[in-house]
Amino acid sequence: MRGSDERTGELFSYVDLEKRVPAKHPLRLVRGVVNEVLAALDSDFSKAYAQGGRPSIAPERLLRALLLQAFYTIRSERQLMEQIDYNLLYRWFVGLGVDEPVWVPTVFTKNRDRLLAVDVARKFLAELMNHKELRGLLSDEHFSVDGTQIAAWASMKSFKAKDGSSEQPGAGRNGEKPSNATHASSTDPEAQLYRKGRGKEAKLSFMGHALMENRSGLIVAAMLTKATGTAERAAAEEMIVRHSPGARRITLGADKGYDAAAFVADMRALHVTPHIAQNISGRRSAIDARTTRHSGYAVSQQKRKRIEEPFGWGKTIGGLARPMLRGVRKLGFKFTLTMAGYNLIRLPKLIEATA
């Protein structure tokens, strides 16, 4: 018998979100880990809010919503609020009931910015990597580091002379090429004109940096800086000091951009063996046979290439290709949280492989 396509309205509806989500859905494991990490950050959340006044969006719900934005390539906070409104899976993950209203996008954005003051994204990533489900998956001896160019949410038309001269935006004075010394973006002053390599187009950009452990290819530290020629080496040293402050000797794989005598010397002073690719293009490499003769050097050079995977995922899926945020603090928050999101989406399969 053919079924009817007619629909009658329900007077009452009882929807249990727990029953709507399959028992083996990968987000179940992810949500459990995220909730435990957020519980560990409770004291940090308390510092960001006043004791009295009108209740704001719970920071736990806000962060779960931002992770969803990275997981499912949702372009903006406005679109995120729209999709949470009608998607039962999203409501379950965030912690909203079926009848609870979704937040106004501008209110959501302002509450997100409140968390910048207490550096929540970095603490979330650090607490995540210390979680019991991940500790057994990580190497504590072998790491890799790299940086990637992140496009700024600013047009070249906004790149104007700092002295306020009336020349065309993006043009140099007296036929000279514009530079960061003479020009700045009027919409994002922290964005820098940066060229990825010879023959490449110079764009207003930032630099995202990540420190990866080599066993499972998970990101253990991340940060974003202005795009300068020395940003990658300075960020690498800061992440190494933060994650492994000289307690034991570790190895660090990196590309030839890190082959600088000062950086190599600093790494050795921090008990870090620099497994850095040699840059011998018309110069002498700071890495000699003391390092390259060991078999571990070749292994590090092979493993370090995996760091391109989280960068690729972040740009194609996580929304880092052209994030609609301005400034180092806001964009750095998104970059770090996206790297944490990459670790989380890989977690179900990594745990299944070790079971």
Protein backbone atom coordinates (compact mmCIF):
# COMPACT_ATOMS: atom_id res chain seq x y z
CA MET A 1 0.00 0.00 0.00
CA ARG A 2 1.33 3.40 -0.94
CA GLY A 3 2.02 5.73 1.98
CA SER A 4 0.50 9.17 2.25
CA ASP A 5 2.52 12.33 1.66
CA GLU A 6 0.17 14.47 3.73
CA ARG A 7 1.48 15.88 7.00
CA THR A 8 -0.49 16.70 10.09
CA GLY A 9 0.85 18.98 12.79
CA GLU A 10 1.85 17.59 16.20
CA LEU A 11 0.48 19.13 19.34
CA PHE A 12 3.41 17.84 21.40
CA SER A 13 6.81 16.54 20.36
CA TYR A 14 9.32 14.78 22.59
CA VAL A 15 12.76 14.65 20.98
CA ASP A 16 15.64 13.06 22.86
CA LEU A 17 18.78 14.34 21.15
CA GLU A 18 20.87 11.52 22.63
CA LYS A 19 18.78 8.97 20.73
CA ARG A 20 19.04 10.94 17.49
CA VAL A 21 22.85 10.61 17.40
CA PRO A 22 24.10 7.11 16.40
CA ALA A 23 26.03 5.27 19.11
CA LYS A 24 29.06 4.90 16.84
CA HIS A 25 29.08 8.45 15.52
CA PRO A 26 32.68 9.77 15.72
CA LEU A 27 31.52 13.01 17.32
CA ARG A 28 30.51 11.06 20.45
CA LEU A 29 34.14 10.35 21.31
CA VAL A 30 35.18 13.85 20.28
CA ARG A 31 32.49 15.47 22.43
CA GLY A 32 33.47 13.40 25.46
CA VAL A 33 37.10 14.46 25.19
CA VAL A 34 36.16 18.10 24.55
CA ASN A 35 33.89 18.20 27.61
CA GLU A 36 36.66 16.87 29.87
CA VAL A 37 39.13 19.41 28.48
CA LEU A 38 36.64 22.24 28.98
CA ALA A 39 36.02 21.12 32.56
CA ALA A 40 39.76 21.45 33.23
CA LEU A 41 39.62 25.05 31.99
CA ASP A 42 36.83 26.08 34.35
CA SER A 43 39.04 28.41 36.44
CA ASP A 44 40.30 30.16 33.29
CA PHE A 45 36.73 30.75 32.13
CA SER A 46 35.84 32.25 35.51
CA LYS A 47 38.59 34.87 35.12
CA ALA A 48 37.03 36.12 31.87
CA TYR A 49 33.60 36.88 33.34
CA ALA A 50 32.24 39.18 36.06
CA GLN A 51 30.60 37.73 39.16
CA GLY A 52 27.32 39.59 38.65
CA GLY A 53 25.21 40.87 35.79
CA ARG A 54 23.25 39.16 33.04
CA PRO A 55 24.40 35.64 32.09
CA SER A 56 26.27 35.47 28.79
CA ILE A 57 26.83 32.58 26.41
CA ALA A 58 28.48 29.73 28.29
CA PRO A 59 32.13 29.58 27.14
CA GLU A 60 31.90 25.78 26.92
CA ARG A 61 29.05 26.04 24.40
CA LEU A 62 30.82 28.80 22.52
CA LEU A 63 33.99 26.74 22.05
CA ARG A 64 32.06 23.64 21.03
CA ALA A 65 30.26 25.75 18.41
CA LEU A 66 33.57 27.11 17.09
CA LEU A 67 34.93 23.57 16.78
CA LEU A 68 31.86 22.63 14.74
CA GLN A 69 32.60 25.58 12.47
CA ALA A 70 36.03 24.09 11.74
CA PHE A 71 34.79 20.48 11.43
CA TYR A 72 32.12 21.29 8.84
CA THR A 73 33.63 24.22 6.90
CA ILE A 74 31.06 26.79 7.98
CA ARG A 75 32.14 30.12 6.56
CA SER A 76 30.90 32.62 9.14
CA GLU A 77 29.36 32.96 12.58
CA ARG A 78 26.09 34.02 10.98
CA GLN A 79 25.93 30.84 8.94
CA LEU A 80 27.01 28.85 12.02
CA MET A 81 24.06 30.18 14.04
CA GLU A 82 21.70 29.39 11.16
CA GLN A 83 22.89 25.78 10.87
CA ILE A 84 22.86 25.14 14.63
CA ASP A 85 19.24 26.31 14.63
CA TYR A 86 17.99 23.47 12.40
CA ASN A 87 20.64 20.74 12.72
CA LEU A 88 19.93 18.36 15.62
CA LEU A 89 23.48 16.92 15.53
CA TYR A 90 24.93 20.41 15.93
CA ARG A 91 22.54 21.22 18.78
CA TRP A 92 23.53 18.00 20.56
CA PHE A 93 27.27 18.68 20.16
CA VAL A 94 27.02 22.30 21.34
CA GLY A 95 24.75 21.41 24.27
CA LEU A 96 21.58 23.21 23.20
CA GLY A 97 18.15 21.67 23.73
CA VAL A 98 15.67 21.30 20.89
CA ASP A 99 13.59 24.27 22.08
CA GLU A 100 16.46 26.55 23.16
CA PRO A 101 16.95 29.64 20.98
CA VAL A 102 20.17 30.08 19.03
CA TRP A 103 22.26 33.16 19.76
CA VAL A 104 22.34 36.35 17.75
CA PRO A 105 25.54 36.28 15.59
CA THR A 106 26.85 39.63 16.87
CA VAL A 107 26.36 38.54 20.50
CA PHE A 108 28.18 35.28 19.73
CA THR A 109 31.09 37.20 18.18
CA LYS A 110 31.44 39.58 21.15
CA ASN A 111 31.45 36.67 23.59
CA ARG A 112 34.11 34.92 21.51
CA ASP A 113 36.33 37.99 21.73
CA ARG A 114 35.99 37.94 25.53
CA LEU A 115 38.03 34.71 25.62
CA LEU A 116 41.01 36.32 23.88
CA ALA A 117 42.12 38.01 27.10
CA VAL A 118 42.74 34.70 28.89
CA ASP A 119 44.38 32.93 25.92
CA VAL A 120 41.78 30.16 25.92
CA ALA A 121 42.68 28.65 22.54
CA ARG A 122 46.31 27.97 23.52
CA LYS A 123 45.26 26.56 26.89
CA PHE A 124 42.62 24.38 25.23
CA LEU A 125 45.22 22.88 22.87
CA ALA A 126 47.70 22.32 25.72
CA GLU A 127 45.05 20.67 27.92
CA LEU A 128 43.86 18.56 24.99
CA MET A 129 47.36 17.18 24.37
CA ASN A 130 47.59 16.30 28.07
CA HIS A 131 44.33 14.34 27.97
CA LYS A 132 44.50 10.63 28.84
CA GLU A 133 43.15 9.64 25.41
CA LEU A 134 45.99 11.43 23.63
CA ARG A 135 49.00 11.05 25.91
CA GLY A 136 49.68 7.50 24.74
CA LEU A 137 49.58 8.58 21.10
CA LEU A 138 52.31 11.20 21.38
CA SER A 139 56.07 11.13 21.05
CA ASP A 140 57.94 13.07 23.73
CA GLU A 141 61.29 12.98 21.92
CA HIS A 142 60.79 13.69 18.21
CA PHE A 143 59.12 16.80 16.80
CA SER A 144 58.79 18.83 13.61
CA VAL A 145 58.10 22.51 13.07
CA ASP A 146 56.92 24.61 10.15
CA GLY A 147 55.01 27.74 9.24
CA THR A 148 52.35 28.56 6.67
CA GLN A 149 51.13 31.75 5.07
CA ILE A 150 47.63 32.81 6.18
CA ALA A 151 45.90 35.36 3.95
CA ALA A 152 44.75 38.50 5.74
CA TRP A 153 41.15 39.71 5.50
CA ALA A 154 42.32 42.88 3.77
CA SER A 155 42.54 44.01 0.17
CA MET A 156 45.64 45.35 -1.51
CA LYS A 157 43.58 48.49 -2.14
CA SER A 158 43.79 49.14 1.61
CA PHE A 159 47.62 49.06 1.52
CA LYS A 160 48.30 52.78 1.70
CA ALA A 161 51.24 55.04 2.54
CA LYS A 162 51.73 55.59 6.26
CA ASP A 163 52.43 59.30 5.77
CA GLY A 164 48.99 59.82 4.26
CA SER A 165 50.23 60.83 0.81
CA SER A 166 47.66 60.78 -1.98
CA GLU A 167 49.30 58.12 -4.12
CA GLN A 168 47.21 55.22 -5.38
CA PRO A 169 46.64 52.39 -2.86
CA GLY A 170 49.24 49.66 -3.22
CA ALA A 171 51.58 51.87 -5.30
CA GLY A 172 55.03 53.04 -4.29
CA ARG A 173 56.35 56.57 -4.09
CA ASN A 174 58.24 57.85 -7.17
CA GLY A 175 57.89 54.50 -8.91
CA GLU A 176 59.30 52.53 -5.97
CA LYS A 177 57.66 49.31 -4.87
CA PRO A 178 55.54 49.60 -1.71
CA SER A 179 56.94 47.96 1.40
CA ASN A 180 55.94 47.30 4.99
CA ALA A 181 58.26 50.12 6.04
CA THR A 182 56.35 52.77 4.08
CA HIS A 183 52.85 51.29 3.74
CA ALA A 184 50.19 49.63 5.93
CA SER A 185 46.70 48.29 5.46
CA SER A 186 44.01 50.71 6.57
CA THR A 187 41.64 47.81 7.44
CA ASP A 188 44.15 45.49 9.16
CA PRO A 189 47.31 47.40 10.21
CA GLU A 190 48.93 44.21 11.57
CA ALA A 191 48.85 42.47 8.18
CA GLN A 192 52.20 42.43 6.40
CA LEU A 193 53.03 42.33 2.71
CA TYR A 194 54.65 38.91 2.34
CA ARG A 195 55.96 36.84 -0.55
CA LYS A 196 56.04 33.05 -0.12
CA GLY A 197 59.00 32.61 -2.48
CA ARG A 198 60.73 33.93 -5.55
CA GLY A 199 58.34 34.52 -8.40
CA LYS A 200 55.34 34.42 -6.07
CA GLU A 201 52.83 37.22 -5.64
CA ALA A 202 53.22 39.38 -2.54
CA LYS A 203 50.04 39.38 -0.43
CA LEU A 204 48.87 40.87 2.84
CA SER A 205 49.37 37.97 5.20
CA PHE A 206 50.10 36.51 8.60
CA MET A 207 52.18 33.45 9.49
CA GLY A 208 50.73 30.42 11.24
CA HIS A 209 53.21 28.18 13.08
CA ALA A 210 52.82 24.64 14.41
CA LEU A 211 54.91 22.17 16.40
CA MET A 212 54.10 18.55 15.56
CA GLU A 213 55.10 15.36 17.37
CA ASN A 214 56.37 12.76 14.90
CA ARG A 215 54.70 9.58 16.17
CA SER A 216 51.07 10.32 15.25
CA GLY A 217 51.48 13.64 13.44
CA LEU A 218 49.45 15.62 16.00
CA ILE A 219 49.93 19.32 16.70
CA VAL A 220 51.20 19.97 20.24
CA ALA A 221 51.65 23.75 19.99
CA ALA A 222 50.49 26.45 17.59
CA MET A 223 50.64 30.22 17.28
CA LEU A 224 50.19 33.01 14.74
CA THR A 225 52.46 36.01 14.16
CA LYS A 226 53.02 38.83 11.75
CA ALA A 227 54.59 37.70 8.47
CA THR A 228 58.30 38.55 8.60
CA GLY A 229 61.46 36.86 7.38
CA THR A 230 62.42 35.71 10.89
CA ALA A 231 58.94 34.88 12.19
CA GLU A 232 59.22 31.12 11.63
CA ARG A 233 62.46 30.71 13.59
CA ALA A 234 61.35 32.99 16.44
CA ALA A 235 58.00 31.18 16.74
CA ALA A 236 59.69 27.77 16.64
CA GLU A 237 61.95 28.69 19.55
CA GLU A 238 59.02 30.06 21.57
CA MET A 239 56.94 26.91 21.02
CA ILE A 240 59.86 24.64 21.90
CA VAL A 241 60.55 26.52 25.14
CA ARG A 242 56.85 26.41 26.05
CA HIS A 243 56.36 22.72 25.27
CA SER A 244 59.71 21.21 26.21
CA PRO A 245 61.73 23.62 28.38
CA GLY A 246 65.07 21.80 28.24
CA ALA A 247 64.06 18.96 30.55
CA ARG A 248 65.27 16.26 28.16
CA ARG A 249 66.95 16.11 24.77
CA ILE A 250 64.60 16.10 21.77
CA THR A 251 64.97 16.25 18.00
CA LEU A 252 63.42 18.89 15.77
CA GLY A 253 62.83 18.37 12.05
CA ALA A 254 62.43 21.43 9.83
CA ASP A 255 62.90 22.61 6.26
CA LYS A 256 65.88 24.60 4.95
CA GLY A 257 64.27 27.90 5.93
CA TYR A 258 65.36 27.16 9.50
CA ASP A 259 69.00 26.57 8.50
CA ALA A 260 70.50 29.63 10.20
CA ALA A 261 73.57 29.54 12.43
CA ALA A 262 71.95 31.55 15.24
CA PHE A 263 68.83 29.37 15.29
CA VAL A 264 70.81 26.12 15.25
CA ALA A 265 72.99 27.38 18.12
CA ASP A 266 69.92 28.37 20.12
CA MET A 267 68.36 24.94 19.59
CA ARG A 268 71.48 23.14 20.80
CA ALA A 269 71.56 25.37 23.88
CA LEU A 270 67.99 24.19 24.60
CA HIS A 271 69.03 20.50 24.36
CA VAL A 272 67.37 20.22 20.94
CA THR A 273 69.08 18.24 18.17
CA PRO A 274 68.31 20.25 14.99
CA HIS A 275 67.33 17.81 12.23
CA ILE A 276 67.05 20.66 9.74
CA ALA A 277 67.30 20.31 5.97
CA GLN A 278 70.60 21.75 4.72
CA ASN A 279 70.47 24.96 2.73
CA ILE A 280 73.57 24.89 0.52
CA SER A 281 72.39 27.24 -2.24
CA GLY A 282 75.44 29.48 -2.48
CA ARG A 283 76.12 29.34 1.24
CA ARG A 284 77.42 27.12 3.99
CA SER A 285 74.89 25.14 5.97
CA ALA A 286 74.81 25.35 9.77
CA ILE A 287 74.03 21.61 9.82
CA ASP A 288 77.11 19.44 9.40
CA ALA A 289 78.04 15.75 9.50
CA ARG A 290 77.69 15.65 13.28
CA THR A 291 73.94 15.65 12.64
CA THR A 292 73.45 14.25 9.12
CA ARG A 293 75.49 11.05 9.69
CA HIS A 294 72.90 9.66 12.10
CA SER A 295 70.05 7.53 10.75
CA GLY A 296 67.57 9.53 12.84
CA TYR A 297 68.25 12.59 10.69
CA ALA A 298 66.85 10.89 7.58
CA VAL A 299 63.82 9.70 9.55
CA SER A 300 63.12 13.23 10.81
CA GLN A 301 63.39 14.62 7.30
CA GLN A 302 60.79 12.13 6.16
CA LYS A 303 58.44 12.66 9.11
CA ARG A 304 58.56 16.46 9.05
CA LYS A 305 56.64 16.57 5.76
CA ARG A 306 53.51 15.38 7.57
CA ILE A 307 53.12 18.82 9.10
CA GLU A 308 51.69 19.95 5.76
CA GLU A 309 48.62 17.76 6.46
CA PRO A 310 47.19 19.89 9.29
CA PHE A 311 47.97 23.05 7.32
CA GLY A 312 46.17 21.61 4.28
CA TRP A 313 43.19 20.49 6.38
CA GLY A 314 43.03 23.86 8.10
CA LYS A 315 42.84 25.72 4.78
CA THR A 316 40.52 23.39 2.84
CA ILE A 317 38.21 22.33 5.70
CA GLY A 318 38.92 24.45 8.77
CA GLY A 319 38.37 27.87 7.19
CA LEU A 320 41.96 29.16 7.25
CA ALA A 321 42.22 29.77 3.50
CA ARG A 322 40.75 33.28 3.91
CA PRO A 323 39.46 33.71 7.46
CA MET A 324 37.15 36.68 7.97
CA LEU A 325 39.06 37.99 10.99
CA ARG A 326 41.51 40.83 11.46
CA GLY A 327 44.51 41.18 13.75
CA VAL A 328 46.96 38.75 15.32
CA ARG A 329 44.86 38.06 18.43
CA LYS A 330 41.59 37.17 16.71
CA LEU A 331 43.17 35.27 13.84
CA GLY A 332 45.62 33.56 16.21
CA PHE A 333 42.69 32.33 18.31
CA LYS A 334 41.09 30.76 15.23
CA PHE A 335 44.35 29.27 13.97
CA THR A 336 45.17 27.59 17.28
CA LEU A 337 41.63 26.29 17.78
CA THR A 338 41.62 24.95 14.21
CA MET A 339 44.82 23.02 14.87
CA ALA A 340 43.16 21.58 17.98
CA GLY A 341 40.19 20.67 15.76
CA TYR A 342 42.52 18.79 13.42
CA ASN A 343 43.77 16.70 16.35
CA LEU A 344 40.19 15.97 17.42
CA ILE A 345 38.92 14.77 14.04
CA ARG A 346 41.84 12.34 13.82
CA LEU A 347 41.30 11.01 17.34
CA PRO A 348 38.61 8.33 16.65
CA LYS A 349 40.69 6.54 14.00
CA LEU A 350 43.92 6.82 16.00
CA ILE A 351 42.29 5.25 19.04
CA GLU A 352 40.68 2.55 16.89
CA ALA A 353 44.07 1.71 15.35
CA THR A 354 45.67 1.25 18.79
CA ALA A 355 42.78 -0.70 20.30
